[in-house]
Amino acid sequence: MKDPVCKMEVLNENLRSMYKGKKYIFCSVNCKEIFDKNPERYAGK
């Protein structure tokens, strides 16, 4: 699965957020924080 912010391949699913009933996973805390501040921008990609 790819990080919705930076598009890197994510192997570890420890960093995740839920948005509109869908789970998103991230490669880093930084990408998760960026997503959490503006999920609408990244959720559709």
C-alpha atoms as a PDB file:
ATOM      1  CA  MET A   1       0.000   0.000   0.000  1.00  0.00           C
ATOM      2  CA  LYS A   2       1.211   3.532  -0.710  1.00  0.00           C
ATOM      3  CA  ASP A   3       1.363   6.515   1.608  1.00  0.00           C
ATOM      4  CA  PRO A   4      -1.308   8.973   0.383  1.00  0.00           C
ATOM      5  CA  VAL A   5       0.931  11.980   1.108  1.00  0.00           C
ATOM      6  CA  CYS A   6       4.362  11.088  -0.328  1.00  0.00           C
ATOM      7  CA  LYS A   7       3.387   8.008  -2.401  1.00  0.00           C
ATOM      8  CA  MET A   8       6.130   5.836  -0.881  1.00  0.00           C
ATOM      9  CA  GLU A   9       5.440   2.134  -0.436  1.00  0.00           C
ATOM     10  CA  VAL A  10       4.431   1.408   3.170  1.00  0.00           C
ATOM     11  CA  LEU A  11       5.460  -1.923   4.683  1.00  0.00           C
ATOM     12  CA  ASN A  12       4.673  -1.221   8.331  1.00  0.00           C
ATOM     13  CA  GLU A  13       1.046  -0.415   9.141  1.00  0.00           C
ATOM     14  CA  ASN A  14       1.698   1.067  12.607  1.00  0.00           C
ATOM     15  CA  LEU A  15       1.007   4.654  11.545  1.00  0.00           C
ATOM     16  CA  ARG A  16      -2.606   4.937  10.471  1.00  0.00           C
ATOM     17  CA  SER A  17      -5.596   7.244  10.409  1.00  0.00           C
ATOM     18  CA  MET A  18      -9.254   6.727   9.655  1.00  0.00           C
ATOM     19  CA  TYR A  19     -11.118   9.142   7.421  1.00  0.00           C
ATOM     20  CA  LYS A  20     -14.732   8.698   6.294  1.00  0.00           C
ATOM     21  CA  GLY A  21     -14.601   5.032   7.257  1.00  0.00           C
ATOM     22  CA  LYS A  22     -11.433   4.235   5.317  1.00  0.00           C
ATOM     23  CA  LYS A  23      -8.032   3.355   6.792  1.00  0.00           C
ATOM     24  CA  TYR A  24      -4.947   5.196   5.555  1.00  0.00           C
ATOM     25  CA  ILE A  25      -1.394   4.145   6.421  1.00  0.00           C
ATOM     26  CA  PHE A  26       1.764   6.237   6.421  1.00  0.00           C
ATOM     27  CA  CYS A  27       5.510   5.795   6.063  1.00  0.00           C
ATOM     28  CA  SER A  28       6.348   8.400   8.715  1.00  0.00           C
ATOM     29  CA  VAL A  29       4.881  10.451  11.546  1.00  0.00           C
ATOM     30  CA  ASN A  30       5.425  13.536   9.402  1.00  0.00           C
ATOM     31  CA  CYS A  31       3.215  12.209   6.584  1.00  0.00           C
ATOM     32  CA  LYS A  32       0.535  11.163   9.086  1.00  0.00           C
ATOM     33  CA  GLU A  33       0.505  14.655  10.633  1.00  0.00           C
ATOM     34  CA  ILE A  34       0.242  16.289   7.197  1.00  0.00           C
ATOM     35  CA  PHE A  35      -2.680  14.016   6.309  1.00  0.00           C
ATOM     36  CA  ASP A  36      -4.436  14.577   9.636  1.00  0.00           C
ATOM     37  CA  LYS A  37      -4.314  18.362   9.177  1.00  0.00           C
ATOM     38  CA  ASN A  38      -5.995  18.205   5.754  1.00  0.00           C
ATOM     39  CA  PRO A  39      -7.310  14.701   4.967  1.00  0.00           C
ATOM     40  CA  GLU A  40      -9.623  15.890   2.192  1.00  0.00           C
ATOM     41  CA  ARG A  41      -6.603  16.907   0.115  1.00  0.00           C
ATOM     42  CA  TYR A  42      -5.065  13.420   0.179  1.00  0.00           C
ATOM     43  CA  ALA A  43      -7.984  11.030   0.634  1.00  0.00           C
ATOM     44  CA  GLY A  44      -9.118  11.202  -2.975  1.00  0.00           C
ATOM     45  CA  LYS A  45      -5.723  10.420  -4.458  1.00  0.00           C
END
